[in-house]
Protein backbone atom coordinates (compact mmCIF):
# COMPACT_ATOMS: atom_id res chain seq x y z
CA MET A 1 99.94 88.44 77.60
CA PRO A 2 98.11 85.10 77.84
CA ALA A 3 99.96 81.96 78.94
CA TYR A 4 99.62 78.76 76.93
CA GLU A 5 100.61 75.13 77.46
CA ILE A 6 101.73 73.28 74.36
CA PHE A 7 101.68 69.48 74.39
CA TYR A 8 103.17 66.97 71.95
CA LEU A 9 101.77 63.45 72.05
CA ASP A 10 102.61 60.04 70.59
CA GLU A 11 100.24 57.80 68.61
CA SER A 12 98.53 56.54 71.77
CA GLY A 13 97.95 60.04 73.16
CA ALA A 14 100.70 59.94 75.81
CA VAL A 15 102.49 63.23 76.41
CA THR A 16 106.05 63.10 75.07
CA TYR A 17 106.93 66.77 75.62
CA LYS A 18 105.27 69.93 76.90
CA PHE A 19 106.18 73.52 77.52
CA SER A 20 104.56 76.79 78.56
CA ALA A 21 104.76 80.00 76.58
CA ASP A 22 103.50 83.54 76.79
CA CYS A 23 102.06 84.59 73.43
CA ASP A 24 100.16 87.69 72.31
CA ASP A 25 97.16 85.67 71.14
CA ASP A 26 95.85 82.21 70.19
CA GLN A 27 97.14 82.44 66.62
CA ARG A 28 100.72 83.08 67.73
CA ALA A 29 100.50 80.17 70.18
CA ARG A 30 99.40 77.87 67.34
CA VAL A 31 102.25 79.06 65.10
CA LEU A 32 104.76 78.50 67.92
CA ALA A 33 103.41 74.99 68.54
CA HIS A 34 104.01 74.05 64.90
CA ALA A 35 107.41 75.73 64.80
CA MET A 36 108.62 73.75 67.83
CA LYS A 37 107.14 70.39 66.73
CA THR A 38 109.63 67.57 66.32
CA PRO A 39 109.21 64.98 63.55
CA SER A 40 108.47 62.26 66.12
CA ALA A 41 105.44 64.09 67.56
CA LYS A 42 102.24 62.68 66.07
CA LYS A 43 99.76 65.07 67.70
CA LEU A 44 99.87 68.53 69.22
CA GLN A 45 97.57 70.51 71.48
CA VAL A 46 97.53 74.13 72.60
CA TRP A 47 95.72 74.90 75.87
CA SER A 48 94.93 78.15 77.63
CA GLY A 49 94.01 77.14 81.17
CA GLU A 50 91.26 74.53 80.82
CA ALA A 51 90.33 75.63 77.27
CA LEU A 52 91.60 73.69 74.27
CA ILE A 53 92.65 76.33 71.74
CA TYR A 54 94.01 74.09 68.98
CA ALA A 55 94.65 70.40 68.25
CA ARG A 56 96.18 68.57 65.32
CA PRO A 57 94.99 66.20 64.12
CA GLY A 58 91.37 66.58 65.17
CA SER A 59 89.91 67.47 68.53
CA VAL A 60 90.54 66.06 71.99
CA LEU A 61 88.07 65.39 74.77
CA GLU A 62 90.27 66.02 77.81
CA HIS A 63 93.38 67.85 78.93
CA PRO A 64 96.36 65.47 78.54
CA MET A 65 97.60 66.10 82.09
CA LEU A 66 94.24 64.96 83.51
CA ARG A 67 94.41 61.54 81.86
CA ALA A 68 94.43 58.54 84.19
CA SER A 69 97.60 56.44 84.14
């Protein structure tokens, strides 16, 4: 079962919450990410290792944990 990291970000792209989950496939990880989204989260991303699986809205150029402070 693949492991995924799900990130929720604010308007500026800063991580406000993240968690890891084991899901059967990419589609289930995306559904879980939306199900767990809080109203205050403006963006979400689903990663599998270094691969971006899903992002809303739009795409992202880098993994949020690799961003310089």
